[in-house]
N, C-alpha and C. Protein backbone atom coordinates (compact mmCIF):
# COMPACT_ATOMS: atom_id res chain seq x y z
N MET A 1 -81.67 12.94 158.10
CA MET A 1 -81.94 14.30 157.66
C MET A 1 -82.34 14.26 156.18
N ASP A 2 -83.40 14.93 155.84
CA ASP A 2 -83.85 15.01 154.46
C ASP A 2 -83.04 16.05 153.70
N THR A 3 -82.72 15.71 152.46
CA THR A 3 -81.97 16.63 151.61
C THR A 3 -82.94 17.55 150.88
N ASP A 4 -82.59 18.81 150.84
CA ASP A 4 -83.38 19.79 150.10
C ASP A 4 -83.40 19.38 148.63
N PRO A 5 -84.58 19.30 148.01
CA PRO A 5 -84.66 18.85 146.62
C PRO A 5 -83.91 19.76 145.64
N THR A 6 -83.87 21.05 145.93
CA THR A 6 -83.14 21.97 145.06
C THR A 6 -81.65 21.70 145.13
N LEU A 7 -81.14 21.51 146.35
CA LEU A 7 -79.72 21.19 146.49
C LEU A 7 -79.39 19.87 145.82
N GLN A 8 -80.26 18.90 145.96
CA GLN A 8 -80.02 17.60 145.34
C GLN A 8 -79.94 17.73 143.83
N GLU A 9 -80.81 18.57 143.26
CA GLU A 9 -80.80 18.79 141.81
C GLU A 9 -79.48 19.42 141.37
N ILE A 10 -78.98 20.37 142.15
CA ILE A 10 -77.69 21.01 141.85
C ILE A 10 -76.56 19.98 141.92
N TRP A 11 -76.55 19.18 142.98
CA TRP A 11 -75.50 18.17 143.15
C TRP A 11 -75.54 17.15 142.01
N ASP A 12 -76.74 16.76 141.62
CA ASP A 12 -76.87 15.79 140.53
C ASP A 12 -76.36 16.38 139.21
N ALA A 13 -76.68 17.66 138.96
CA ALA A 13 -76.22 18.31 137.73
C ALA A 13 -74.69 18.40 137.72
N ARG A 14 -74.11 18.77 138.86
CA ARG A 14 -72.64 18.85 138.94
C ARG A 14 -72.01 17.48 138.71
N GLN A 15 -72.60 16.45 139.27
CA GLN A 15 -72.07 15.10 139.09
C GLN A 15 -72.16 14.68 137.63
N LYS A 16 -73.26 15.01 136.98
CA LYS A 16 -73.44 14.65 135.57
C LYS A 16 -72.38 15.35 134.71
N ILE A 17 -72.14 16.63 134.96
CA ILE A 17 -71.12 17.37 134.21
C ILE A 17 -69.75 16.75 134.45
N TRP A 18 -69.45 16.42 135.70
CA TRP A 18 -68.17 15.80 136.04
C TRP A 18 -67.97 14.50 135.28
N GLU A 19 -69.02 13.70 135.22
CA GLU A 19 -68.95 12.43 134.50
C GLU A 19 -68.79 12.66 132.99
N GLU A 20 -69.49 13.66 132.45
CA GLU A 20 -69.36 13.99 131.02
C GLU A 20 -67.93 14.42 130.69
N CYS A 21 -67.25 14.98 131.67
CA CYS A 21 -65.87 15.43 131.47
C CYS A 21 -64.87 14.33 131.76
N GLY A 22 -65.37 13.13 131.99
CA GLY A 22 -64.49 11.99 132.21
C GLY A 22 -63.75 12.03 133.53
N GLY A 23 -64.27 12.79 134.48
CA GLY A 23 -63.61 12.88 135.78
C GLY A 23 -62.28 13.61 135.72
N SER A 24 -62.11 14.43 134.69
CA SER A 24 -60.86 15.16 134.49
C SER A 24 -61.06 16.64 134.81
N PHE A 25 -60.26 17.16 135.73
CA PHE A 25 -60.35 18.57 136.09
C PHE A 25 -60.04 19.46 134.88
N GLU A 26 -59.07 19.04 134.08
CA GLU A 26 -58.71 19.80 132.87
C GLU A 26 -59.91 19.88 131.91
N ASN A 27 -60.59 18.76 131.71
CA ASN A 27 -61.77 18.75 130.85
C ASN A 27 -62.90 19.59 131.45
N LEU A 28 -63.02 19.57 132.77
CA LEU A 28 -64.05 20.37 133.45
C LEU A 28 -63.81 21.86 133.22
N LEU A 29 -62.56 22.28 133.34
CA LEU A 29 -62.24 23.69 133.08
C LEU A 29 -62.56 24.07 131.64
N GLU A 30 -62.24 23.20 130.71
CA GLU A 30 -62.56 23.46 129.30
C GLU A 30 -64.07 23.54 129.09
N TYR A 31 -64.81 22.69 129.76
CA TYR A 31 -66.28 22.71 129.68
C TYR A 31 -66.81 24.08 130.11
N TYR A 32 -66.31 24.59 131.24
CA TYR A 32 -66.77 25.88 131.74
C TYR A 32 -66.30 27.04 130.88
N ARG A 33 -65.09 26.95 130.33
CA ARG A 33 -64.62 27.99 129.41
C ARG A 33 -65.52 28.07 128.18
N LYS A 34 -65.87 26.90 127.65
CA LYS A 34 -66.74 26.85 126.48
C LYS A 34 -68.12 27.43 126.83
N ALA A 35 -68.65 27.08 127.98
CA ALA A 35 -69.95 27.60 128.41
C ALA A 35 -69.91 29.13 128.55
N GLN A 36 -68.81 29.66 129.09
CA GLN A 36 -68.67 31.11 129.23
C GLN A 36 -68.67 31.78 127.87
N ASN A 37 -67.96 31.20 126.91
CA ASN A 37 -67.89 31.79 125.57
C ASN A 37 -69.23 31.73 124.85
N GLU A 38 -69.97 30.65 125.07
CA GLU A 38 -71.26 30.49 124.39
C GLU A 38 -72.37 31.31 125.02
N HIS A 39 -72.24 31.63 126.31
CA HIS A 39 -73.30 32.33 127.03
C HIS A 39 -72.74 33.46 127.90
N PRO A 40 -72.05 34.42 127.31
CA PRO A 40 -71.43 35.47 128.13
C PRO A 40 -72.44 36.31 128.90
N HIS A 41 -73.66 36.39 128.41
CA HIS A 41 -74.69 37.18 129.09
C HIS A 41 -75.16 36.53 130.40
N LYS A 42 -74.81 35.27 130.62
CA LYS A 42 -75.22 34.57 131.83
C LYS A 42 -74.13 34.56 132.90
N ILE A 43 -72.98 35.11 132.58
CA ILE A 43 -71.86 35.10 133.50
C ILE A 43 -71.92 36.37 134.37
N ILE A 44 -71.83 36.18 135.69
CA ILE A 44 -71.79 37.31 136.61
C ILE A 44 -70.33 37.59 136.93
N ARG A 45 -69.92 38.79 136.66
CA ARG A 45 -68.53 39.17 136.90
C ARG A 45 -68.44 39.94 138.21
N LEU A 46 -67.37 39.72 138.93
CA LEU A 46 -67.17 40.34 140.24
C LEU A 46 -67.28 41.87 140.14
N GLU A 47 -66.71 42.44 139.07
CA GLU A 47 -66.74 43.89 138.92
C GLU A 47 -68.17 44.43 138.86
N GLU A 48 -69.08 43.61 138.36
CA GLU A 48 -70.46 44.04 138.19
C GLU A 48 -71.25 44.04 139.49
N VAL A 49 -70.79 43.32 140.49
CA VAL A 49 -71.53 43.24 141.74
C VAL A 49 -70.88 44.00 142.90
N LEU A 50 -69.65 44.44 142.70
CA LEU A 50 -68.98 45.19 143.76
C LEU A 50 -69.59 46.58 143.89
N VAL A 51 -69.87 46.95 145.10
CA VAL A 51 -70.43 48.28 145.37
C VAL A 51 -69.39 49.03 146.20
N GLU A 52 -69.07 50.19 145.73
CA GLU A 52 -68.05 50.98 146.45
C GLU A 52 -68.72 51.93 147.41
């Protein structure tokens, strides 16, 4: 089965981030916290997408 190139790119990016974090879940969480603080306009919040 051929892998979708877009999915492969996403998987590769996730693997690269994981490796940059030293394979540590704690470091990964810190990486994402830092990204959220640096780019709050790119974060989608659940409250913003819920439709009542």
